[in-house]
């Protein structure tokens, strides 16, 4: 009986079957086409969300590092909210939500986004 309860609990707590786990542990949920959502999973900085977005774009969508990825949900992110991203510039928000010198708008290169994962792994500040 306990085994059945444990299996049922595990099934209920699992995310969508198509979810992707980024290298920083954040879950990425596809929304169709080139749009996806990264739900809030505890203490995460904007750079953590961008890391997961870049990782998903490279490893799942198979885009090149120079491709621009856009934040689709308007910053700032409210407490407990996730962030939506897209490769479609028509669906872009007004800003990335990051302090990025030399860029404007809501997009950065996928390689730049994925580089936030390296900073996290190296233990450098975010």
Protein backbone atom coordinates (compact mmCIF):
# COMPACT_ATOMS: atom_id res chain seq x y z
CA UNK A 1 0.00 0.00 0.00
CA UNK A 2 2.83 2.40 0.82
CA UNK A 3 4.44 1.67 -2.54
CA UNK A 4 1.23 2.61 -4.37
CA UNK A 5 0.94 5.82 -2.34
CA UNK A 6 4.57 6.73 -3.08
CA UNK A 7 4.10 6.12 -6.81
CA UNK A 8 0.90 8.18 -6.86
CA UNK A 9 2.58 11.04 -4.99
CA UNK A 10 5.56 10.93 -7.34
CA UNK A 11 3.30 11.07 -10.40
CA UNK A 12 1.34 14.01 -9.00
CA UNK A 13 4.47 16.01 -8.16
CA UNK A 14 6.18 15.44 -11.50
CA UNK A 15 6.23 18.23 -14.06
CA UNK A 16 4.98 18.01 -17.61
CA UNK A 17 6.32 15.03 -19.55
CA UNK A 18 7.93 17.34 -22.09
CA UNK A 19 9.70 19.50 -19.50
CA UNK A 20 13.47 19.98 -19.80
CA UNK A 21 15.80 20.29 -16.80
CA UNK A 22 18.48 22.90 -17.50
CA UNK A 23 22.02 22.45 -16.24
CA UNK A 24 21.30 24.84 -13.35
CA UNK A 25 18.31 22.73 -12.23
CA UNK A 26 15.53 25.03 -13.46
CA UNK A 27 12.67 23.41 -15.36
CA UNK A 28 11.84 24.62 -18.86
CA UNK A 29 8.33 23.99 -20.20
CA UNK A 30 7.78 24.24 -23.97
CA UNK A 31 4.79 26.33 -25.06
CA UNK A 32 4.86 25.40 -28.73
CA UNK A 33 7.10 26.51 -31.55
CA UNK A 34 10.00 28.53 -30.22
CA UNK A 35 8.27 29.81 -27.06
CA UNK A 36 8.84 28.37 -23.59
CA UNK A 37 8.28 29.12 -19.92
CA UNK A 38 10.60 28.74 -16.95
CA UNK A 39 8.55 28.53 -13.76
CA UNK A 40 9.81 29.93 -10.49
CA UNK A 41 11.48 27.24 -8.35
CA UNK A 42 12.77 29.08 -5.32
CA UNK A 43 15.50 31.66 -5.06
CA UNK A 44 16.67 32.43 -8.61
CA UNK A 45 18.21 35.52 -10.13
CA UNK A 46 17.39 36.83 -13.60
CA UNK A 47 20.73 35.35 -14.73
CA UNK A 48 19.55 31.89 -13.58
CA UNK A 49 16.46 32.17 -15.79
CA UNK A 50 18.59 33.31 -18.75
CA UNK A 51 21.02 30.41 -18.16
CA UNK A 52 18.14 27.94 -18.38
CA UNK A 53 16.73 29.70 -21.46
CA UNK A 54 20.07 29.60 -23.26
CA UNK A 55 20.66 25.98 -22.30
CA UNK A 56 17.21 24.98 -23.61
CA UNK A 57 17.68 26.93 -26.85
CA UNK A 58 20.98 25.18 -27.61
CA UNK A 59 20.25 21.66 -26.36
CA UNK A 60 16.57 21.31 -27.31
CA UNK A 61 15.81 23.86 -30.02
CA UNK A 62 19.28 23.33 -31.58
CA UNK A 63 19.89 26.99 -32.36
CA UNK A 64 23.31 28.51 -32.84
CA UNK A 65 24.91 30.58 -30.06
CA UNK A 66 24.63 33.76 -32.13
CA UNK A 67 20.84 33.47 -32.42
CA UNK A 68 18.96 36.08 -30.40
CA UNK A 69 16.66 34.88 -27.65
CA UNK A 70 14.02 37.23 -26.25
CA UNK A 71 12.31 37.64 -22.95
CA UNK A 72 8.56 37.48 -23.69
CA UNK A 73 7.17 38.38 -20.27
CA UNK A 74 7.59 41.97 -19.12
CA UNK A 75 10.06 42.63 -16.31
CA UNK A 76 10.16 42.85 -13.43
CA UNK A 77 9.22 39.31 -12.51
CA UNK A 78 6.92 39.30 -9.51
CA UNK A 79 7.65 37.08 -6.56
CA UNK A 80 6.72 33.49 -7.36
CA UNK A 81 6.35 34.08 -11.11
CA UNK A 82 8.34 32.44 -13.87
CA UNK A 83 9.60 34.03 -17.08
CA UNK A 84 8.56 33.35 -20.68
CA UNK A 85 11.09 33.37 -23.52
CA UNK A 86 10.86 33.19 -27.30
CA UNK A 87 12.97 33.24 -30.43
CA UNK A 88 10.30 35.40 -32.12
CA UNK A 89 11.17 39.13 -31.95
CA UNK A 90 7.51 40.02 -32.51
CA UNK A 91 6.67 38.48 -29.11
CA UNK A 92 9.50 40.22 -27.24
CA UNK A 93 8.99 42.25 -24.07
CA UNK A 94 10.49 45.73 -23.76
CA UNK A 95 13.60 44.67 -21.81
CA UNK A 96 15.72 41.67 -20.83
CA UNK A 97 15.42 42.38 -17.12
CA UNK A 98 19.24 42.29 -16.97
CA UNK A 99 21.78 45.06 -16.75
CA UNK A 100 23.60 44.39 -20.01
CA UNK A 101 25.92 47.01 -21.48
CA UNK A 102 25.95 47.43 -25.24
CA UNK A 103 22.56 45.85 -25.93
CA UNK A 104 19.07 47.23 -26.09
CA UNK A 105 15.64 45.63 -26.10
CA UNK A 106 14.54 42.31 -24.73
CA UNK A 107 17.01 39.99 -26.44
CA UNK A 108 20.55 38.71 -26.05
CA UNK A 109 22.52 36.07 -27.94
CA UNK A 110 21.80 32.49 -26.91
CA UNK A 111 25.52 32.01 -26.22
CA UNK A 112 25.48 35.01 -23.88
CA UNK A 113 22.48 33.54 -22.04
CA UNK A 114 24.16 30.16 -21.75
CA UNK A 115 27.32 31.83 -20.41
CA UNK A 116 25.40 32.67 -17.22
CA UNK A 117 25.51 28.91 -16.51
CA UNK A 118 29.32 28.99 -16.56
CA UNK A 119 29.43 31.78 -13.98
CA UNK A 120 27.19 29.74 -11.71
CA UNK A 121 29.30 26.58 -12.08
CA UNK A 122 32.52 28.48 -11.46
CA UNK A 123 31.09 29.94 -8.26
CA UNK A 124 31.42 33.50 -9.45
CA UNK A 125 28.81 36.02 -8.43
CA UNK A 126 25.71 36.30 -10.54
